[in-house]
Amino acid sequence: MKNEKLNKSTSPSDDQDNSSDVQPLAPNPKLPWCPKCKRHSDYHLKVVTVHERRGSHSYSYEKTASMYTCNECGGKTWKPHSPLFLNLFCVIIFGSMLIPCLYVMEKEGSLEDPAAWFVLLIIAILGYIFYRICLMNQNHWKEFWVWAQSKGYPRK
C-alpha cells in the first residue's frame, strides 16, 4: 500500500531511480518519517508471509504488518507520536497488573508460594517490555524534533 499523496509531493519528476532527485518535505509530525534517511520518504506497509499448521494441514497466507517501511532504505518508518500518552498508557496497564497482584499476595499470605512469585516475574518482564517500548518511542520523538527544528520547524 503506497501513500500516493506523499509520493507526488516528494518527487519533482516521475523518475525516482536517482535518490538526489527526491526532494524532502518540510517537517510534518503527521507524516511518517524515516530516521535512517532523515526525511519524509515514500513508504509502504510491510507484507509478511505467515505459515500455520493445523492438524495434518499446513498453509500460508500473506498478512499486512502495521509497520511502515521506507521505500528508499528499507528502514522502519514511523509517525511521530507524543510519548506522554504512550507512557501514561503503559503506567496504567502495568499498575493495573501489579497492584492487584501484590494486594492478593499480601491478603492471602502467599508470599512463600512459588506460583505467586512466578506471576510477579511475568509482570516484571511485561513492565520491562513496556519500559523499552516507551523509551524507544521517546527516542524517536526526540530524534524527529531535533531534525524538525534543524529544518526550521517551530516546536509547539
N, C-alpha and C. Protein backbone atom coordinates (compact mmCIF):
# COMPACT_ATOMS: atom_id res chain seq x y z
N MET A 1 0.86 -1.16 0.00
CA MET A 1 0.00 0.00 0.00
C MET A 1 0.90 1.22 0.00
N LYS A 2 0.70 2.12 -0.91
CA LYS A 2 1.58 3.26 -1.04
C LYS A 2 0.80 4.54 -0.85
N ASN A 3 1.39 5.50 -0.22
CA ASN A 3 0.75 6.78 0.00
C ASN A 3 1.00 7.63 -1.23
N GLU A 4 0.01 7.74 -2.09
CA GLU A 4 0.18 8.46 -3.36
C GLU A 4 0.37 9.95 -3.14
N LYS A 5 -0.29 10.52 -2.15
CA LYS A 5 -0.14 11.95 -1.88
C LYS A 5 1.32 12.26 -1.52
N LEU A 6 1.91 11.42 -0.67
CA LEU A 6 3.29 11.62 -0.28
C LEU A 6 4.21 11.39 -1.46
N ASN A 7 3.88 10.40 -2.30
CA ASN A 7 4.70 10.11 -3.47
C ASN A 7 4.74 11.32 -4.40
N LYS A 8 3.61 11.96 -4.63
CA LYS A 8 3.56 13.11 -5.51
C LYS A 8 4.33 14.30 -4.94
N SER A 9 4.27 14.47 -3.63
CA SER A 9 4.89 15.66 -3.05
C SER A 9 6.38 15.50 -2.77
N THR A 10 6.91 14.27 -2.80
CA THR A 10 8.33 14.11 -2.54
C THR A 10 9.16 13.98 -3.80
N SER A 11 8.51 13.83 -4.92
CA SER A 11 9.26 13.63 -6.14
C SER A 11 8.97 14.73 -7.15
N PRO A 12 9.99 15.50 -7.57
CA PRO A 12 9.76 16.55 -8.54
C PRO A 12 9.60 16.01 -9.96
N SER A 13 10.03 14.77 -10.19
CA SER A 13 9.90 14.18 -11.51
C SER A 13 9.35 12.77 -11.38
N ASP A 14 9.00 12.18 -12.52
CA ASP A 14 8.49 10.82 -12.50
C ASP A 14 9.61 9.80 -12.29
N ASP A 15 10.84 10.17 -12.53
CA ASP A 15 11.96 9.26 -12.39
C ASP A 15 12.46 9.29 -10.95
N GLN A 16 12.24 8.20 -10.20
CA GLN A 16 12.69 8.16 -8.82
C GLN A 16 13.91 7.26 -8.64
N ASP A 17 14.54 6.85 -9.73
CA ASP A 17 15.71 5.99 -9.62
C ASP A 17 16.87 6.71 -8.98
N ASN A 18 17.01 8.00 -9.22
CA ASN A 18 18.10 8.78 -8.65
C ASN A 18 17.60 9.40 -7.35
N SER A 19 18.19 9.01 -6.24
CA SER A 19 17.71 9.50 -4.94
C SER A 19 17.98 10.99 -4.75
N SER A 20 18.89 11.58 -5.54
CA SER A 20 19.13 13.01 -5.41
C SER A 20 18.00 13.83 -6.02
N ASP A 21 17.16 13.18 -6.85
CA ASP A 21 16.01 13.87 -7.43
C ASP A 21 14.87 14.02 -6.43
N VAL A 22 14.86 13.20 -5.39
CA VAL A 22 13.77 13.22 -4.42
C VAL A 22 13.98 14.39 -3.47
N GLN A 23 13.00 15.28 -3.41
CA GLN A 23 13.08 16.44 -2.54
C GLN A 23 12.41 16.11 -1.20
N PRO A 24 13.10 16.34 -0.08
CA PRO A 24 12.47 16.08 1.22
C PRO A 24 11.39 17.10 1.51
N LEU A 25 10.33 16.66 2.14
CA LEU A 25 9.26 17.55 2.56
C LEU A 25 9.69 18.35 3.78
N ALA A 26 9.01 19.45 4.00
CA ALA A 26 9.21 20.18 5.25
C ALA A 26 8.73 19.29 6.39
N PRO A 27 9.31 19.42 7.57
CA PRO A 27 8.89 18.57 8.69
C PRO A 27 7.40 18.65 8.96
N ASN A 28 6.79 17.51 9.11
CA ASN A 28 5.36 17.42 9.40
C ASN A 28 5.15 16.24 10.34
N PRO A 29 4.80 16.48 11.61
CA PRO A 29 4.65 15.39 12.56
C PRO A 29 3.50 14.44 12.25
N LYS A 30 2.66 14.77 11.26
CA LYS A 30 1.54 13.89 10.91
C LYS A 30 1.91 12.89 9.82
N LEU A 31 3.07 13.07 9.20
CA LEU A 31 3.50 12.17 8.13
C LEU A 31 4.56 11.20 8.64
N PRO A 32 4.58 9.97 8.12
CA PRO A 32 5.64 9.04 8.50
C PRO A 32 7.01 9.61 8.14
N TRP A 33 7.98 9.32 9.00
CA TRP A 33 9.33 9.86 8.87
C TRP A 33 10.33 8.73 9.02
N CYS A 34 11.35 8.72 8.16
CA CYS A 34 12.37 7.68 8.22
C CYS A 34 13.58 8.24 8.97
N PRO A 35 13.92 7.70 10.14
CA PRO A 35 15.07 8.19 10.89
C PRO A 35 16.41 7.85 10.21
N LYS A 36 16.41 6.83 9.36
CA LYS A 36 17.64 6.45 8.67
C LYS A 36 17.95 7.44 7.54
N CYS A 37 16.92 7.79 6.76
CA CYS A 37 17.09 8.76 5.66
C CYS A 37 17.04 10.20 6.15
N LYS A 38 16.49 10.40 7.35
CA LYS A 38 16.28 11.73 7.95
C LYS A 38 15.39 12.60 7.06
N ARG A 39 14.26 12.01 6.65
CA ARG A 39 13.29 12.78 5.87
C ARG A 39 11.98 12.00 5.75
N HIS A 40 10.97 12.70 5.28
CA HIS A 40 9.71 12.05 4.93
C HIS A 40 9.95 11.43 3.56
N SER A 41 9.83 10.14 3.48
CA SER A 41 10.07 9.47 2.20
C SER A 41 8.86 8.62 1.85
N ASP A 42 8.86 8.11 0.62
CA ASP A 42 7.80 7.19 0.24
C ASP A 42 7.90 5.95 1.12
N TYR A 43 6.79 5.32 1.37
CA TYR A 43 6.76 4.17 2.26
C TYR A 43 5.69 3.20 1.83
N HIS A 44 5.73 2.02 2.38
CA HIS A 44 4.70 1.02 2.16
C HIS A 44 4.52 0.23 3.45
N LEU A 45 3.37 -0.41 3.56
CA LEU A 45 3.15 -1.29 4.70
C LEU A 45 3.77 -2.64 4.35
N LYS A 46 4.55 -3.15 5.25
CA LYS A 46 5.27 -4.40 5.02
C LYS A 46 4.27 -5.57 4.96
N VAL A 47 4.50 -6.47 4.01
CA VAL A 47 3.68 -7.67 3.89
C VAL A 47 4.54 -8.85 4.31
N VAL A 48 4.04 -9.63 5.25
CA VAL A 48 4.77 -10.79 5.74
C VAL A 48 3.98 -12.06 5.43
N THR A 49 4.68 -13.14 5.25
CA THR A 49 4.04 -14.43 5.00
C THR A 49 3.96 -15.20 6.32
N VAL A 50 2.77 -15.64 6.64
CA VAL A 50 2.52 -16.38 7.87
C VAL A 50 2.28 -17.84 7.51
N HIS A 51 3.03 -18.73 8.15
CA HIS A 51 2.87 -20.17 7.93
C HIS A 51 2.19 -20.76 9.16
N GLU A 52 1.12 -21.52 8.91
CA GLU A 52 0.41 -22.16 10.02
C GLU A 52 0.19 -23.62 9.71
N ARG A 53 0.13 -24.39 10.76
CA ARG A 53 -0.13 -25.82 10.62
C ARG A 53 -1.24 -26.19 11.60
N ARG A 54 -2.29 -26.76 11.07
CA ARG A 54 -3.41 -27.22 11.90
C ARG A 54 -3.68 -28.68 11.56
N GLY A 55 -3.40 -29.51 12.52
CA GLY A 55 -3.57 -30.95 12.29
C GLY A 55 -2.58 -31.41 11.23
N SER A 56 -3.08 -32.08 10.22
CA SER A 56 -2.21 -32.57 9.15
C SER A 56 -2.11 -31.58 8.00
N HIS A 57 -2.80 -30.46 8.09
CA HIS A 57 -2.80 -29.47 7.02
C HIS A 57 -1.90 -28.30 7.39
N SER A 58 -1.13 -27.86 6.43
CA SER A 58 -0.34 -26.64 6.64
C SER A 58 -0.65 -25.68 5.49
N TYR A 59 -0.68 -24.43 5.81
CA TYR A 59 -0.97 -23.42 4.80
C TYR A 59 -0.26 -22.13 5.17
N SER A 60 -0.14 -21.27 4.20
CA SER A 60 0.48 -19.97 4.44
C SER A 60 -0.36 -18.90 3.76
N TYR A 61 -0.29 -17.71 4.32
CA TYR A 61 -1.01 -16.58 3.76
C TYR A 61 -0.22 -15.31 4.03
N GLU A 62 -0.53 -14.29 3.25
CA GLU A 62 0.16 -13.01 3.43
C GLU A 62 -0.67 -12.12 4.33
N LYS A 63 0.04 -11.40 5.19
CA LYS A 63 -0.61 -10.52 6.14
C LYS A 63 0.11 -9.18 6.11
N THR A 64 -0.64 -8.10 6.13
CA THR A 64 -0.04 -6.78 6.14
C THR A 64 0.33 -6.40 7.56
N ALA A 65 1.60 -6.13 7.78
CA ALA A 65 2.06 -5.72 9.10
C ALA A 65 1.72 -4.26 9.33
N SER A 66 1.71 -3.85 10.57
CA SER A 66 1.34 -2.47 10.89
C SER A 66 2.55 -1.54 10.92
N MET A 67 3.69 -1.99 10.40
CA MET A 67 4.90 -1.16 10.41
C MET A 67 5.13 -0.58 9.02
N TYR A 68 5.31 0.74 8.97
CA TYR A 68 5.65 1.39 7.71
C TYR A 68 7.11 1.09 7.38
N THR A 69 7.39 0.85 6.10
CA THR A 69 8.75 0.57 5.65
C THR A 69 9.13 1.59 4.58
N CYS A 70 10.31 2.19 4.75
CA CYS A 70 10.80 3.20 3.82
C CYS A 70 11.12 2.55 2.47
N ASN A 71 10.66 3.16 1.39
CA ASN A 71 10.96 2.64 0.05
C ASN A 71 12.40 2.93 -0.35
N GLU A 72 13.03 3.93 0.23
CA GLU A 72 14.39 4.30 -0.15
C GLU A 72 15.44 3.40 0.48
N CYS A 73 15.35 3.19 1.81
CA CYS A 73 16.40 2.45 2.51
C CYS A 73 15.92 1.14 3.12
N GLY A 74 14.60 0.91 3.15
CA GLY A 74 14.06 -0.30 3.76
C GLY A 74 13.97 -0.24 5.27
N GLY A 75 14.27 0.93 5.85
CA GLY A 75 14.23 1.10 7.29
C GLY A 75 12.81 1.24 7.82
N LYS A 76 12.68 1.19 9.13
CA LYS A 76 11.37 1.36 9.77
C LYS A 76 11.01 2.83 9.77
N THR A 77 9.90 3.14 9.15
CA THR A 77 9.39 4.50 9.09
C THR A 77 8.23 4.58 10.06
N TRP A 78 8.12 5.68 10.77
CA TRP A 78 7.09 5.79 11.79
C TRP A 78 6.54 7.20 11.84
N LYS A 79 5.32 7.31 12.36
CA LYS A 79 4.71 8.61 12.56
C LYS A 79 5.05 9.07 13.96
N PRO A 80 5.60 10.27 14.09
CA PRO A 80 5.95 10.76 15.43
C PRO A 80 4.71 10.90 16.31
N HIS A 81 4.75 10.30 17.47
CA HIS A 81 3.67 10.40 18.45
C HIS A 81 4.25 10.91 19.76
N SER A 82 3.50 11.74 20.41
CA SER A 82 3.94 12.26 21.70
C SER A 82 4.12 11.10 22.68
N PRO A 83 5.27 11.05 23.35
CA PRO A 83 5.49 9.94 24.28
C PRO A 83 4.62 10.00 25.53
N LEU A 84 4.01 11.14 25.80
CA LEU A 84 3.21 11.29 27.01
C LEU A 84 2.07 10.27 27.08
N PHE A 85 1.30 10.14 26.01
CA PHE A 85 0.14 9.25 26.03
C PHE A 85 0.56 7.78 26.14
N LEU A 86 1.60 7.40 25.41
CA LEU A 86 2.08 6.02 25.50
C LEU A 86 2.63 5.73 26.88
N ASN A 87 3.36 6.67 27.46
CA ASN A 87 3.90 6.48 28.81
C ASN A 87 2.78 6.32 29.83
N LEU A 88 1.77 7.17 29.74
CA LEU A 88 0.63 7.06 30.66
C LEU A 88 -0.09 5.73 30.50
N PHE A 89 -0.30 5.32 29.26
CA PHE A 89 -0.97 4.05 28.99
C PHE A 89 -0.19 2.89 29.60
N CYS A 90 1.12 2.87 29.40
CA CYS A 90 1.95 1.79 29.94
C CYS A 90 1.95 1.78 31.47
N VAL A 91 2.02 2.94 32.08
CA VAL A 91 1.99 3.01 33.55
C VAL A 91 0.65 2.51 34.08
N ILE A 92 -0.44 2.90 33.43
CA ILE A 92 -1.77 2.46 33.88
C ILE A 92 -1.91 0.94 33.73
N ILE A 93 -1.49 0.40 32.60
CA ILE A 93 -1.60 -1.05 32.39
C ILE A 93 -0.71 -1.80 33.38
N PHE A 94 0.53 -1.34 33.54
CA PHE A 94 1.46 -2.01 34.46
C PHE A 94 0.93 -1.94 35.90
N GLY A 95 0.45 -0.77 36.29
CA GLY A 95 -0.11 -0.61 37.64
C GLY A 95 -1.34 -1.46 37.86
N SER A 96 -2.19 -1.58 36.83
CA SER A 96 -3.41 -2.38 36.97
C SER A 96 -3.10 -3.88 37.06
N MET A 97 -1.90 -4.28 36.63
CA MET A 97 -1.50 -5.68 36.81
C MET A 97 -0.78 -5.88 38.15
N LEU A 98 0.10 -4.96 38.49
CA LEU A 98 0.97 -5.14 39.65
C LEU A 98 0.23 -4.93 40.98
N ILE A 99 -0.53 -3.87 41.10
CA ILE A 99 -1.16 -3.54 42.38
C ILE A 99 -2.14 -4.62 42.84
N PRO A 100 -3.05 -5.10 42.00
CA PRO A 100 -3.94 -6.19 42.47
C PRO A 100 -3.17 -7.46 42.83
N CYS A 101 -2.12 -7.76 42.06
CA CYS A 101 -1.32 -8.96 42.34
C CYS A 101 -0.67 -8.85 43.72
N LEU A 102 -0.07 -7.71 44.02
CA LEU A 102 0.56 -7.51 45.32
C LEU A 102 -0.48 -7.54 46.45
N TYR A 103 -1.64 -6.95 46.19
CA TYR A 103 -2.70 -6.93 47.20
C TYR A 103 -3.16 -8.34 47.54
N VAL A 104 -3.39 -9.15 46.50
CA VAL A 104 -3.84 -10.52 46.72
C VAL A 104 -2.75 -11.33 47.43
N MET A 105 -1.50 -11.13 47.03
CA MET A 105 -0.40 -11.87 47.68
C MET A 105 -0.32 -11.52 49.17
N GLU A 106 -0.47 -10.27 49.50
CA GLU A 106 -0.40 -9.84 50.90
C GLU A 106 -1.63 -10.32 51.68
N LYS A 107 -2.81 -10.19 51.08
CA LYS A 107 -4.06 -10.56 51.75
C LYS A 107 -4.13 -12.06 52.00
N GLU A 108 -3.72 -12.84 51.02
CA GLU A 108 -3.80 -14.30 51.13
C GLU A 108 -2.60 -14.89 51.86
N GLY A 109 -1.58 -14.08 52.10
CA GLY A 109 -0.39 -14.58 52.76
C GLY A 109 0.40 -15.56 51.90
N SER A 110 0.36 -15.36 50.61
CA SER A 110 1.01 -16.29 49.70
C SER A 110 2.39 -15.80 49.25
N LEU A 111 3.09 -15.12 50.14
CA LEU A 111 4.41 -14.61 49.79
C LEU A 111 5.44 -15.72 49.62
N GLU A 112 5.17 -16.89 50.21
CA GLU A 112 6.09 -18.02 50.06
C GLU A 112 5.73 -18.92 48.90
N ASP A 113 4.61 -18.67 48.26
CA ASP A 113 4.13 -19.51 47.16
C ASP A 113 4.94 -19.23 45.89
N PRO A 114 5.60 -20.23 45.32
CA PRO A 114 6.39 -20.01 44.10
C PRO A 114 5.56 -19.55 42.91
N ALA A 115 4.31 -19.99 42.84
CA ALA A 115 3.45 -19.57 41.73
C ALA A 115 3.20 -18.06 41.77
N ALA A 116 3.04 -17.51 42.96
CA ALA A 116 2.82 -16.07 43.09
C ALA A 116 4.06 -15.30 42.65
N TRP A 117 5.23 -15.80 43.00
CA TRP A 117 6.46 -15.14 42.57
C TRP A 117 6.66 -15.27 41.06
N PHE A 118 6.20 -16.38 40.49
CA PHE A 118 6.26 -16.54 39.05
C PHE A 118 5.39 -15.49 38.36
N VAL A 119 4.19 -15.27 38.89
CA VAL A 119 3.30 -14.24 38.33
C VAL A 119 3.97 -12.86 38.44
N LEU A 120 4.60 -12.59 39.58
CA LEU A 120 5.32 -11.32 39.73
C LEU A 120 6.47 -11.19 38.73
N LEU A 121 7.14 -12.29 38.46
CA LEU A 121 8.22 -12.27 37.47
C LEU A 121 7.67 -11.95 36.09
N ILE A 122 6.56 -12.55 35.72
CA ILE A 122 5.93 -12.28 34.42
C ILE A 122 5.53 -10.80 34.34
N ILE A 123 4.95 -10.27 35.40
CA ILE A 123 4.56 -8.86 35.42
C ILE A 123 5.79 -7.96 35.31
N ALA A 124 6.87 -8.33 35.98
CA ALA A 124 8.11 -7.55 35.88
C ALA A 124 8.66 -7.57 34.46
N ILE A 125 8.60 -8.72 33.80
CA ILE A 125 9.07 -8.81 32.41
C ILE A 125 8.20 -7.95 31.51
N LEU A 126 6.89 -8.00 31.69
CA LEU A 126 5.99 -7.15 30.90
C LEU A 126 6.27 -5.67 31.18
N GLY A 127 6.54 -5.33 32.43
CA GLY A 127 6.88 -3.96 32.77
C GLY A 127 8.14 -3.50 32.06
N TYR A 128 9.13 -4.38 31.98
CA TYR A 128 10.37 -4.05 31.27
C TYR A 128 10.10 -3.86 29.77
N ILE A 129 9.25 -4.70 29.20
CA ILE A 129 8.90 -4.56 27.77
C ILE A 129 8.19 -3.22 27.55
N PHE A 130 7.24 -2.87 28.43
CA PHE A 130 6.57 -1.57 28.33
C PHE A 130 7.58 -0.43 28.41
N TYR A 131 8.52 -0.56 29.35
CA TYR A 131 9.54 0.47 29.52
C TYR A 131 10.36 0.64 28.24
N ARG A 132 10.78 -0.46 27.63
CA ARG A 132 11.58 -0.39 26.40
C ARG A 132 10.79 0.24 25.25
N ILE A 133 9.50 -0.10 25.15
CA ILE A 133 8.66 0.49 24.10
C ILE A 133 8.54 1.99 24.31
N CYS A 134 8.31 2.41 25.55
CA CYS A 134 8.20 3.84 25.85
C CYS A 134 9.51 4.56 25.58
N LEU A 135 10.61 3.95 25.96
CA LEU A 135 11.93 4.55 25.73
C LEU A 135 12.22 4.68 24.25
N MET A 136 11.89 3.66 23.46
CA MET A 136 12.10 3.70 22.02
C MET A 136 11.27 4.82 21.39
N ASN A 137 9.99 4.93 21.78
CA ASN A 137 9.14 5.98 21.24
C ASN A 137 9.66 7.36 21.63
N GLN A 138 10.11 7.50 22.87
CA GLN A 138 10.64 8.79 23.32
C GLN A 138 11.90 9.17 22.54
N ASN A 139 12.77 8.20 22.27
CA ASN A 139 13.97 8.47 21.49
C ASN A 139 13.63 8.87 20.05
N HIS A 140 12.65 8.17 19.44
CA HIS A 140 12.19 8.53 18.09
C HIS A 140 11.63 9.95 18.09
N TRP A 141 10.84 10.26 19.10
CA TRP A 141 10.22 11.58 19.22
C TRP A 141 11.29 12.67 19.29
N LYS A 142 12.29 12.47 20.15
CA LYS A 142 13.37 13.46 20.29
C LYS A 142 14.15 13.59 18.99
N GLU A 143 14.46 12.45 18.36
CA GLU A 143 15.23 12.48 17.11
C GLU A 143 14.47 13.23 16.03
N PHE A 144 13.16 13.01 15.92
CA PHE A 144 12.35 13.73 14.93
C PHE A 144 12.37 15.23 15.21
N TRP A 145 12.19 15.63 16.47
CA TRP A 145 12.11 17.05 16.77
C TRP A 145 13.46 17.76 16.62
N VAL A 146 14.56 17.07 16.87
CA VAL A 146 15.87 17.66 16.61
C VAL A 146 16.01 17.93 15.11
N TRP A 147 15.61 16.94 14.30
CA TRP A 147 15.66 17.11 12.84
C TRP A 147 14.71 18.22 12.39
N ALA A 148 13.48 18.22 12.91
CA ALA A 148 12.49 19.21 12.50
C ALA A 148 12.95 20.63 12.85
N GLN A 149 13.53 20.80 14.04
CA GLN A 149 13.99 22.13 14.43
C GLN A 149 15.19 22.56 13.60
N SER A 150 16.02 21.61 13.17
CA SER A 150 17.15 21.97 12.32
C SER A 150 16.68 22.43 10.94
N LYS A 151 15.45 22.03 10.57
CA LYS A 151 14.84 22.46 9.30
C LYS A 151 13.96 23.69 9.48
N GLY A 152 13.94 24.26 10.68
CA GLY A 152 13.18 25.50 10.93
C GLY A 152 11.75 25.29 11.36
N TYR A 153 11.37 24.07 11.70
CA TYR A 153 10.00 23.81 12.15
C TYR A 153 9.87 24.25 13.61
N PRO A 154 8.89 25.08 13.93
CA PRO A 154 8.77 25.55 15.33
C PRO A 154 8.19 24.45 16.23
N ARG A 155 8.81 24.25 17.37
CA ARG A 155 8.32 23.27 18.34
C ARG A 155 7.16 23.88 19.11
N LYS A 156 6.08 23.13 19.22
CA LYS A 156 4.88 23.64 19.90
C LYS A 156 4.91 23.31 21.34
